[in-house]
Full PDB file with SEQRES, HELIX, SHEET, SSBOND, CRYST1, ORIGX, SCALE, CONECT and MASTER records, all heavy atoms in Angstrom:
SEQRES   1 A   31  THR ASP CYS ILE VAL VAL CYS GLY THR SER GLY GLU ALA          
SEQRES   2 A   31  SER THR LEU THR GLU GLU GLU HIS LEU GLU ALA ILE ALA          
SEQRES   3 A   31  VAL VAL ALA GLU GLN                                          
HELIX    1 AA1 ALA A   13  THR A   15  5                                   3    
HELIX    2 AA2 GLU A   18  GLU A   30  1                                  13    
CRYST1    1.000    1.000    1.000  90.00  90.00  90.00 P 1           1          
ORIGX1      1.000000  0.000000  0.000000        0.00000                         
ORIGX2      0.000000  1.000000  0.000000        0.00000                         
ORIGX3      0.000000  0.000000  1.000000        0.00000                         
SCALE1      1.000000  0.000000  0.000000        0.00000                         
SCALE2      0.000000  1.000000  0.000000        0.00000                         
SCALE3      0.000000  0.000000  1.000000        0.00000                         
ATOM      1  N   THR A   1       8.013  -9.911 -11.588  1.00  0.00           N  
ATOM      2  CA  THR A   1       8.414  -9.239 -10.354  1.00  0.00           C  
ATOM      3  C   THR A   1       8.488 -10.255  -9.221  1.00  0.00           C  
ATOM      4  O   THR A   1       7.657 -11.158  -9.129  1.00  0.00           O  
ATOM      5  CB  THR A   1       7.424  -8.109 -10.021  1.00  0.00           C  
ATOM      6  OG1 THR A   1       7.523  -7.095 -11.042  1.00  0.00           O  
ATOM      7  CG2 THR A   1       7.722  -7.477  -8.678  1.00  0.00           C  
ATOM      8  N   ASP A   2       9.481 -10.115  -8.348  1.00  0.00           N  
ATOM      9  CA  ASP A   2       9.714 -11.092  -7.283  1.00  0.00           C  
ATOM     10  C   ASP A   2       9.053 -10.739  -5.961  1.00  0.00           C  
ATOM     11  O   ASP A   2       8.914 -11.602  -5.092  1.00  0.00           O  
ATOM     12  CB  ASP A   2      11.220 -11.245  -7.063  1.00  0.00           C  
ATOM     13  CG  ASP A   2      11.933 -11.723  -8.313  1.00  0.00           C  
ATOM     14  OD1 ASP A   2      11.711 -12.890  -8.700  1.00  0.00           O  
ATOM     15  OD2 ASP A   2      12.679 -10.936  -8.921  1.00  0.00           O  
ATOM     16  N   CYS A   3       8.663  -9.486  -5.786  1.00  0.00           N  
ATOM     17  CA  CYS A   3       8.028  -9.044  -4.536  1.00  0.00           C  
ATOM     18  C   CYS A   3       7.309  -7.732  -4.809  1.00  0.00           C  
ATOM     19  O   CYS A   3       7.782  -6.919  -5.609  1.00  0.00           O  
ATOM     20  CB  CYS A   3       9.079  -8.852  -3.441  1.00  0.00           C  
ATOM     21  SG  CYS A   3       8.444  -8.198  -1.874  1.00  0.00           S  
ATOM     22  N   ILE A   4       6.185  -7.532  -4.156  1.00  0.00           N  
ATOM     23  CA  ILE A   4       5.468  -6.258  -4.269  1.00  0.00           C  
ATOM     24  C   ILE A   4       5.607  -5.494  -2.962  1.00  0.00           C  
ATOM     25  O   ILE A   4       5.302  -6.017  -1.884  1.00  0.00           O  
ATOM     26  CB  ILE A   4       3.982  -6.483  -4.600  1.00  0.00           C  
ATOM     27  CG1 ILE A   4       3.853  -7.098  -5.996  1.00  0.00           C  
ATOM     28  CG2 ILE A   4       3.209  -5.165  -4.524  1.00  0.00           C  
ATOM     29  CD1 ILE A   4       2.439  -7.428  -6.402  1.00  0.00           C  
ATOM     30  N   VAL A   5       6.088  -4.273  -3.061  1.00  0.00           N  
ATOM     31  CA  VAL A   5       6.215  -3.383  -1.908  1.00  0.00           C  
ATOM     32  C   VAL A   5       5.139  -2.314  -2.042  1.00  0.00           C  
ATOM     33  O   VAL A   5       5.187  -1.480  -2.953  1.00  0.00           O  
ATOM     34  CB  VAL A   5       7.620  -2.759  -1.824  1.00  0.00           C  
ATOM     35  CG1 VAL A   5       7.727  -1.856  -0.598  1.00  0.00           C  
ATOM     36  CG2 VAL A   5       8.685  -3.850  -1.784  1.00  0.00           C  
ATOM     37  N   VAL A   6       4.169  -2.348  -1.176  1.00  0.00           N  
ATOM     38  CA  VAL A   6       3.008  -1.473  -1.251  1.00  0.00           C  
ATOM     39  C   VAL A   6       3.100  -0.385  -0.183  1.00  0.00           C  
ATOM     40  O   VAL A   6       3.584  -0.617   0.920  1.00  0.00           O  
ATOM     41  CB  VAL A   6       1.693  -2.289  -1.101  1.00  0.00           C  
ATOM     42  CG1 VAL A   6       1.661  -3.062   0.213  1.00  0.00           C  
ATOM     43  CG2 VAL A   6       0.472  -1.398  -1.243  1.00  0.00           C  
ATOM     44  N   CYS A   7       2.675   0.803  -0.542  1.00  0.00           N  
ATOM     45  CA  CYS A   7       2.634   1.951   0.383  1.00  0.00           C  
ATOM     46  C   CYS A   7       4.016   2.388   0.857  1.00  0.00           C  
ATOM     47  O   CYS A   7       4.222   2.730   2.028  1.00  0.00           O  
ATOM     48  CB  CYS A   7       1.734   1.675   1.583  1.00  0.00           C  
ATOM     49  SG  CYS A   7      -0.021   1.574   1.162  1.00  0.00           S  
ATOM     50  N   GLY A   8       4.952   2.405  -0.092  1.00  0.00           N  
ATOM     51  CA  GLY A   8       6.232   3.033   0.171  1.00  0.00           C  
ATOM     52  C   GLY A   8       6.227   4.455  -0.370  1.00  0.00           C  
ATOM     53  O   GLY A   8       5.165   5.056  -0.562  1.00  0.00           O  
ATOM     54  N   THR A   9       7.413   4.986  -0.654  1.00  0.00           N  
ATOM     55  CA  THR A   9       7.509   6.328  -1.214  1.00  0.00           C  
ATOM     56  C   THR A   9       6.773   6.432  -2.539  1.00  0.00           C  
ATOM     57  O   THR A   9       5.998   7.359  -2.775  1.00  0.00           O  
ATOM     58  CB  THR A   9       8.988   6.711  -1.416  1.00  0.00           C  
ATOM     59  OG1 THR A   9       9.679   6.594  -0.186  1.00  0.00           O  
ATOM     60  CG2 THR A   9       9.108   8.145  -1.918  1.00  0.00           C  
ATOM     61  N   SER A  10       7.006   5.455  -3.418  1.00  0.00           N  
ATOM     62  CA  SER A  10       6.351   5.470  -4.730  1.00  0.00           C  
ATOM     63  C   SER A  10       4.849   5.291  -4.619  1.00  0.00           C  
ATOM     64  O   SER A  10       4.104   5.675  -5.526  1.00  0.00           O  
ATOM     65  CB  SER A  10       6.929   4.359  -5.621  1.00  0.00           C  
ATOM     66  OG  SER A  10       8.312   4.531  -5.788  1.00  0.00           O  
ATOM     67  N   GLY A  11       4.406   4.695  -3.523  1.00  0.00           N  
ATOM     68  CA  GLY A  11       2.978   4.517  -3.289  1.00  0.00           C  
ATOM     69  C   GLY A  11       2.312   5.696  -2.622  1.00  0.00           C  
ATOM     70  O   GLY A  11       1.133   5.606  -2.239  1.00  0.00           O  
ATOM     71  N   GLU A  12       3.047   6.806  -2.483  1.00  0.00           N  
ATOM     72  CA  GLU A  12       2.513   8.040  -1.902  1.00  0.00           C  
ATOM     73  C   GLU A  12       1.882   7.813  -0.520  1.00  0.00           C  
ATOM     74  O   GLU A  12       0.859   8.409  -0.165  1.00  0.00           O  
ATOM     75  CB  GLU A  12       1.498   8.691  -2.852  1.00  0.00           C  
ATOM     76  CG  GLU A  12       2.137   9.169  -4.149  1.00  0.00           C  
ATOM     77  CD  GLU A  12       1.137   9.746  -5.141  1.00  0.00           C  
ATOM     78  OE1 GLU A  12       0.655  10.871  -4.916  1.00  0.00           O  
ATOM     79  OE2 GLU A  12       0.844   9.050  -6.140  1.00  0.00           O  
ATOM     80  N   ALA A  13       2.524   6.963   0.264  1.00  0.00           N  
ATOM     81  CA  ALA A  13       1.986   6.654   1.587  1.00  0.00           C  
ATOM     82  C   ALA A  13       1.815   7.897   2.456  1.00  0.00           C  
ATOM     83  O   ALA A  13       0.898   7.962   3.281  1.00  0.00           O  
ATOM     84  CB  ALA A  13       2.900   5.652   2.291  1.00  0.00           C  
ATOM     85  N   SER A  14       2.674   8.879   2.243  1.00  0.00           N  
ATOM     86  CA  SER A  14       2.628  10.071   3.102  1.00  0.00           C  
ATOM     87  C   SER A  14       1.388  10.928   2.875  1.00  0.00           C  
ATOM     88  O   SER A  14       1.092  11.816   3.680  1.00  0.00           O  
ATOM     89  CB  SER A  14       3.885  10.924   2.895  1.00  0.00           C  
ATOM     90  OG  SER A  14       4.003  11.315   1.537  1.00  0.00           O  
ATOM     91  N   THR A  15       0.663  10.692   1.785  1.00  0.00           N  
ATOM     92  CA  THR A  15      -0.567  11.450   1.551  1.00  0.00           C  
ATOM     93  C   THR A  15      -1.816  10.587   1.710  1.00  0.00           C  
ATOM     94  O   THR A  15      -2.932  11.062   1.472  1.00  0.00           O  
ATOM     95  CB  THR A  15      -0.590  12.094   0.150  1.00  0.00           C  
ATOM     96  OG1 THR A  15      -0.611  11.067  -0.847  1.00  0.00           O  
ATOM     97  CG2 THR A  15       0.617  12.991  -0.059  1.00  0.00           C  
ATOM     98  N   LEU A  16      -1.642   9.330   2.110  1.00  0.00           N  
ATOM     99  CA  LEU A  16      -2.797   8.469   2.363  1.00  0.00           C  
ATOM    100  C   LEU A  16      -3.259   8.630   3.802  1.00  0.00           C  
ATOM    101  O   LEU A  16      -2.437   8.801   4.714  1.00  0.00           O  
ATOM    102  CB  LEU A  16      -2.429   6.998   2.116  1.00  0.00           C  
ATOM    103  CG  LEU A  16      -1.935   6.599   0.724  1.00  0.00           C  
ATOM    104  CD1 LEU A  16      -1.591   5.113   0.715  1.00  0.00           C  
ATOM    105  CD2 LEU A  16      -2.958   6.930  -0.345  1.00  0.00           C  
ATOM    106  N   THR A  17      -4.559   8.552   4.011  1.00  0.00           N  
ATOM    107  CA  THR A  17      -5.043   8.467   5.388  1.00  0.00           C  
ATOM    108  C   THR A  17      -4.662   7.093   5.944  1.00  0.00           C  
ATOM    109  O   THR A  17      -4.342   6.161   5.184  1.00  0.00           O  
ATOM    110  CB  THR A  17      -6.564   8.619   5.462  1.00  0.00           C  
ATOM    111  OG1 THR A  17      -7.188   7.492   4.816  1.00  0.00           O  
ATOM    112  CG2 THR A  17      -7.037   9.908   4.790  1.00  0.00           C  
ATOM    113  N   GLU A  18      -4.711   6.934   7.252  1.00  0.00           N  
ATOM    114  CA  GLU A  18      -4.392   5.627   7.826  1.00  0.00           C  
ATOM    115  C   GLU A  18      -5.347   4.562   7.300  1.00  0.00           C  
ATOM    116  O   GLU A  18      -4.940   3.420   7.044  1.00  0.00           O  
ATOM    117  CB  GLU A  18      -4.444   5.694   9.358  1.00  0.00           C  
ATOM    118  CG  GLU A  18      -3.267   6.431   9.963  1.00  0.00           C  
ATOM    119  CD  GLU A  18      -3.232   6.355  11.477  1.00  0.00           C  
ATOM    120  OE1 GLU A  18      -4.146   5.738  12.071  1.00  0.00           O  
ATOM    121  OE2 GLU A  18      -2.292   6.909  12.076  1.00  0.00           O  
ATOM    122  N   GLU A  19      -6.613   4.937   7.114  1.00  0.00           N  
ATOM    123  CA  GLU A  19      -7.596   3.974   6.610  1.00  0.00           C  
ATOM    124  C   GLU A  19      -7.255   3.549   5.175  1.00  0.00           C  
ATOM    125  O   GLU A  19      -7.303   2.364   4.840  1.00  0.00           O  
ATOM    126  CB  GLU A  19      -8.998   4.582   6.659  1.00  0.00           C  
ATOM    127  CG  GLU A  19      -9.552   4.809   8.053  1.00  0.00           C  
ATOM    128  CD  GLU A  19      -8.972   6.031   8.752  1.00  0.00           C  
ATOM    129  OE1 GLU A  19      -8.352   6.887   8.066  1.00  0.00           O  
ATOM    130  OE2 GLU A  19      -9.112   6.144   9.988  1.00  0.00           O  
ATOM    131  N   GLU A  20      -6.904   4.522   4.329  1.00  0.00           N  
ATOM    132  CA  GLU A  20      -6.513   4.213   2.947  1.00  0.00           C  
ATOM    133  C   GLU A  20      -5.241   3.378   2.920  1.00  0.00           C  
ATOM    134  O   GLU A  20      -5.126   2.424   2.136  1.00  0.00           O  
ATOM    135  CB  GLU A  20      -6.285   5.504   2.164  1.00  0.00           C  
ATOM    136  CG  GLU A  20      -7.540   6.300   1.867  1.00  0.00           C  
ATOM    137  CD  GLU A  20      -7.217   7.664   1.263  1.00  0.00           C  
ATOM    138  OE1 GLU A  20      -6.145   8.231   1.598  1.00  0.00           O  
ATOM    139  OE2 GLU A  20      -8.030   8.152   0.467  1.00  0.00           O  
ATOM    140  N   HIS A  21      -4.311   3.745   3.748  1.00  0.00           N  
ATOM    141  CA  HIS A  21      -3.020   3.069   3.831  1.00  0.00           C  
ATOM    142  C   HIS A  21      -3.229   1.578   4.117  1.00  0.00           C  
ATOM    143  O   HIS A  21      -2.717   0.707   3.403  1.00  0.00           O  
ATOM    144  CB  HIS A  21      -2.201   3.736   4.947  1.00  0.00           C  
ATOM    145  CG  HIS A  21      -0.761   3.375   4.990  1.00  0.00           C  
ATOM    146  ND1 HIS A  21       0.212   4.282   5.308  1.00  0.00           N  
ATOM    147  CD2 HIS A  21      -0.118   2.208   4.796  1.00  0.00           C  
ATOM    148  CE1 HIS A  21       1.407   3.699   5.290  1.00  0.00           C  
ATOM    149  NE2 HIS A  21       1.223   2.426   4.994  1.00  0.00           N  
ATOM    150  N   LEU A  22      -4.010   1.293   5.139  1.00  0.00           N  
ATOM    151  CA  LEU A  22      -4.227  -0.086   5.547  1.00  0.00           C  
ATOM    152  C   LEU A  22      -5.105  -0.836   4.557  1.00  0.00           C  
ATOM    153  O   LEU A  22      -4.912  -2.043   4.330  1.00  0.00           O  
ATOM    154  CB  LEU A  22      -4.816  -0.126   6.959  1.00  0.00           C  
ATOM    155  CG  LEU A  22      -3.864   0.397   8.046  1.00  0.00           C  
ATOM    156  CD1 LEU A  22      -4.584   0.491   9.380  1.00  0.00           C  
ATOM    157  CD2 LEU A  22      -2.634  -0.500   8.166  1.00  0.00           C  
ATOM    158  N   GLU A  23      -6.056  -0.146   3.934  1.00  0.00           N  
ATOM    159  CA  GLU A  23      -6.889  -0.790   2.921  1.00  0.00           C  
ATOM    160  C   GLU A  23      -6.060  -1.174   1.700  1.00  0.00           C  
ATOM    161  O   GLU A  23      -6.230  -2.264   1.137  1.00  0.00           O  
ATOM    162  CB  GLU A  23      -8.034   0.128   2.511  1.00  0.00           C  
ATOM    163  CG  GLU A  23      -9.003  -0.461   1.492  1.00  0.00           C  
ATOM    164  CD  GLU A  23      -9.807  -1.640   2.004  1.00  0.00           C  
ATOM    165  OE1 GLU A  23      -9.867  -1.831   3.234  1.00  0.00           O  
ATOM    166  OE2 GLU A  23     -10.382  -2.370   1.171  1.00  0.00           O  
ATOM    167  N   ALA A  24      -5.150  -0.292   1.296  1.00  0.00           N  
ATOM    168  CA  ALA A  24      -4.278  -0.607   0.153  1.00  0.00           C  
ATOM    169  C   ALA A  24      -3.422  -1.832   0.445  1.00  0.00           C  
ATOM    170  O   ALA A  24      -3.253  -2.715  -0.407  1.00  0.00           O  
ATOM    171  CB  ALA A  24      -3.396   0.601  -0.179  1.00  0.00           C  
ATOM    172  N   ILE A  25      -2.886  -1.909   1.649  1.00  0.00           N  
ATOM    173  CA  ILE A  25      -2.088  -3.072   2.046  1.00  0.00           C  
ATOM    174  C   ILE A  25      -2.944  -4.336   2.009  1.00  0.00           C  
ATOM    175  O   ILE A  25      -2.536  -5.374   1.474  1.00  0.00           O  
ATOM    176  CB  ILE A  25      -1.486  -2.859   3.446  1.00  0.00           C  
ATOM    177  CG1 ILE A  25      -0.425  -1.751   3.397  1.00  0.00           C  
ATOM    178  CG2 ILE A  25      -0.897  -4.157   3.993  1.00  0.00           C  
ATOM    179  CD1 ILE A  25       0.027  -1.268   4.759  1.00  0.00           C  
ATOM    180  N   ALA A  26      -4.140  -4.241   2.559  1.00  0.00           N  
ATOM    181  CA  ALA A  26      -5.034  -5.403   2.610  1.00  0.00           C  
ATOM    182  C   ALA A  26      -5.412  -5.878   1.212  1.00  0.00           C  
ATOM    183  O   ALA A  26      -5.454  -7.089   0.934  1.00  0.00           O  
ATOM    184  CB  ALA A  26      -6.286  -5.065   3.421  1.00  0.00           C  
ATOM    185  N   VAL A  27      -5.678  -4.934   0.317  1.00  0.00           N  
ATOM    186  CA  VAL A  27      -6.081  -5.275  -1.050  1.00  0.00           C  
ATOM    187  C   VAL A  27      -4.948  -6.001  -1.781  1.00  0.00           C  
ATOM    188  O   VAL A  27      -5.171  -7.026  -2.439  1.00  0.00           O  
ATOM    189  CB  VAL A  27      -6.513  -4.002  -1.814  1.00  0.00           C  
ATOM    190  CG1 VAL A  27      -6.537  -4.231  -3.321  1.00  0.00           C  
ATOM    191  CG2 VAL A  27      -7.884  -3.546  -1.329  1.00  0.00           C  
ATOM    192  N   VAL A  28      -3.734  -5.492  -1.679  1.00  0.00           N  
ATOM    193  CA  VAL A  28      -2.608  -6.129  -2.368  1.00  0.00           C  
ATOM    194  C   VAL A  28      -2.328  -7.511  -1.778  1.00  0.00           C  
ATOM    195  O   VAL A  28      -2.097  -8.482  -2.518  1.00  0.00           O  
ATOM    196  CB  VAL A  28      -1.357  -5.235  -2.311  1.00  0.00           C  
ATOM    197  CG1 VAL A  28      -0.133  -5.976  -2.838  1.00  0.00           C  
ATOM    198  CG2 VAL A  28      -1.578  -3.962  -3.111  1.00  0.00           C  
ATOM    199  N   ALA A  29      -2.357  -7.619  -0.459  1.00  0.00           N  
ATOM    200  CA  ALA A  29      -2.109  -8.920   0.177  1.00  0.00           C  
ATOM    201  C   ALA A  29      -3.171  -9.938  -0.232  1.00  0.00           C  
ATOM    202  O   ALA A  29      -2.855 -11.099  -0.522  1.00  0.00           O  
ATOM    203  CB  ALA A  29      -2.070  -8.760   1.689  1.00  0.00           C  
ATOM    204  N   GLU A  30      -4.413  -9.498  -0.269  1.00  0.00           N  
ATOM    205  CA  GLU A  30      -5.501 -10.394  -0.655  1.00  0.00           C  
ATOM    206  C   GLU A  30      -5.366 -10.819  -2.109  1.00  0.00           C  
ATOM    207  O   GLU A  30      -5.536 -11.986  -2.453  1.00  0.00           O  
ATOM    208  CB  GLU A  30      -6.852  -9.714  -0.433  1.00  0.00           C  
ATOM    209  CG  GLU A  30      -8.048 -10.571  -0.818  1.00  0.00           C  
ATOM    210  CD  GLU A  30      -9.365  -9.826  -0.675  1.00  0.00           C  
ATOM    211  OE1 GLU A  30      -9.515  -8.755  -1.298  1.00  0.00           O  
ATOM    212  OE2 GLU A  30     -10.228 -10.327   0.047  1.00  0.00           O  
ATOM    213  N   GLN A  31      -5.052  -9.858  -2.981  1.00  0.00           N  
ATOM    214  CA  GLN A  31      -4.936 -10.168  -4.403  1.00  0.00           C  
ATOM    215  C   GLN A  31      -3.749 -11.088  -4.672  1.00  0.00           C  
ATOM    216  O   GLN A  31      -3.832 -12.015  -5.478  1.00  0.00           O  
ATOM    217  CB  GLN A  31      -4.805  -8.878  -5.212  1.00  0.00           C  
ATOM    218  CG  GLN A  31      -4.903  -9.068  -6.711  1.00  0.00           C  
ATOM    219  CD  GLN A  31      -6.278  -9.510  -7.160  1.00  0.00           C  
ATOM    220  OE1 GLN A  31      -7.277  -9.148  -6.545  1.00  0.00           O  
ATOM    221  NE2 GLN A  31      -6.344 -10.290  -8.224  1.00  0.00           N  
TER     222      GLN A  31                                                      
MASTER        0    0    0    2    0    0    0    6  221    1    0    3          
END                                                                             
């Protein structure tokens, strides 16, 4: 894969809390 897109439609961003949303982004970026 050439790029990871986190918390889009497939990532169910619309049902994540803001805290979960930002934590998921942070986790993927860190990893």
